[in-house]
Amino acid sequence: MNKEMWYRPEVFGDEDLDSIRYSNRFIVCYDVSKERYLQALENARPIRTWKTKRADDLLLILHGNQQNIGMCKKTGNP
C-alpha cells in the first residue's frame, strides 16, 4: 500500500485467498489495487508490437507460479 504497488484484479480471485477474502484489510487492498491498476491501464501504451518487430531475436518471458508452464510446453520451450 505504502509503495503504491498494485496487482491485476484477476490475481485476487485466487482460491488461496478465500480465507481472508471478506476481511476489511483484504477488501481495502483489493479496492486500492484495482484503482491503481485501472489508472495504469489508462496510461499504458505498447512499446513494441508484432508489426514493429524488426529482428528475429525477440525474447518473450513469462512469469508466474507455474501457471504458464503448459503454454510454454505447447510452444516447445521448456
Protein backbone atom coordinates (compact mmCIF):
# COMPACT_ATOMS: atom_id res chain seq x y z
CA MET A 1 0.00 0.00 0.00
CA ASN A 2 2.69 2.49 1.01
CA LYS A 3 4.87 1.75 -2.02
CA GLU A 4 1.95 2.37 -4.41
CA MET A 5 2.10 -1.13 -5.88
CA TRP A 6 -0.85 -2.96 -7.40
CA TYR A 7 -1.90 -6.32 -8.84
CA ARG A 8 -4.15 -7.19 -11.76
CA PRO A 9 -7.71 -7.78 -10.48
CA GLU A 10 -7.60 -11.43 -11.62
CA VAL A 11 -4.94 -12.20 -9.03
CA PHE A 12 -7.41 -11.52 -6.23
CA GLY A 13 -9.66 -14.33 -7.49
CA ASP A 14 -7.13 -16.99 -6.47
CA GLU A 15 -8.76 -19.57 -4.20
CA ASP A 16 -5.73 -19.44 -1.90
CA LEU A 17 -7.12 -16.11 -0.70
CA ASP A 18 -10.54 -17.45 0.29
CA SER A 19 -9.70 -17.46 4.00
CA ILE A 20 -9.14 -13.68 4.00
CA ARG A 21 -11.41 -12.63 1.13
CA TYR A 22 -14.01 -10.88 3.32
CA SER A 23 -11.65 -9.26 5.81
CA ASN A 24 -11.56 -5.46 5.81
CA ARG A 25 -7.83 -5.38 5.09
CA PHE A 26 -8.26 -7.60 2.03
CA ILE A 27 -11.16 -5.55 0.69
CA VAL A 28 -9.24 -2.29 1.11
CA CYS A 29 -6.18 -3.80 -0.56
CA TYR A 30 -8.30 -5.08 -3.44
CA ASP A 31 -10.07 -1.74 -3.92
CA VAL A 32 -6.84 0.29 -3.86
CA SER A 33 -5.07 -2.17 -6.14
CA LYS A 34 -7.94 -2.20 -8.64
CA GLU A 35 -8.00 1.61 -8.73
CA ARG A 36 -4.24 1.77 -9.32
CA TYR A 37 -4.47 -0.91 -12.00
CA LEU A 38 -7.20 0.98 -13.86
CA GLN A 39 -5.16 4.19 -13.68
CA ALA A 40 -2.10 2.39 -15.04
CA LEU A 41 -4.20 0.83 -17.78
CA GLU A 42 -5.42 4.24 -18.93
CA ASN A 43 -1.84 5.39 -19.44
CA ALA A 44 -0.43 2.12 -20.81
CA ARG A 45 0.83 2.08 -24.36
CA PRO A 46 2.70 -0.72 -26.12
CA ILE A 47 6.36 -0.05 -26.76
CA ARG A 48 6.56 -2.82 -29.37
CA THR A 49 4.08 -4.76 -31.44
CA TRP A 50 4.44 -7.77 -33.72
CA LYS A 51 4.18 -5.40 -36.69
CA THR A 52 7.02 -3.17 -35.49
CA LYS A 53 9.34 -6.06 -34.63
CA ARG A 54 12.45 -5.67 -36.79
CA ALA A 55 14.52 -8.76 -35.96
CA ASP A 56 14.04 -12.45 -35.32
CA ASP A 57 15.76 -12.30 -31.95
CA LEU A 58 12.74 -11.42 -29.82
CA LEU A 59 12.82 -12.74 -26.25
CA LEU A 60 9.49 -13.33 -24.53
CA ILE A 61 9.48 -14.01 -20.80
CA LEU A 62 6.50 -15.46 -18.95
CA HIS A 63 6.40 -15.07 -15.20
CA GLY A 64 4.16 -16.78 -12.72
CA ASN A 65 3.78 -19.58 -10.23
CA GLN A 66 3.99 -22.30 -12.85
CA GLN A 67 0.67 -21.22 -14.39
CA ASN A 68 2.36 -20.66 -17.75
CA ILE A 69 4.25 -23.94 -17.98
CA GLY A 70 1.52 -25.53 -20.11
CA MET A 71 1.68 -22.67 -22.60
CA CYS A 72 5.47 -22.90 -22.75
CA LYS A 73 5.37 -26.64 -23.36
CA LYS A 74 2.88 -26.19 -26.22
CA THR A 75 5.28 -23.83 -27.99
CA GLY A 76 8.22 -26.16 -27.49
CA ASN A 77 10.03 -24.04 -24.91
CA PRO A 78 10.65 -25.99 -21.69
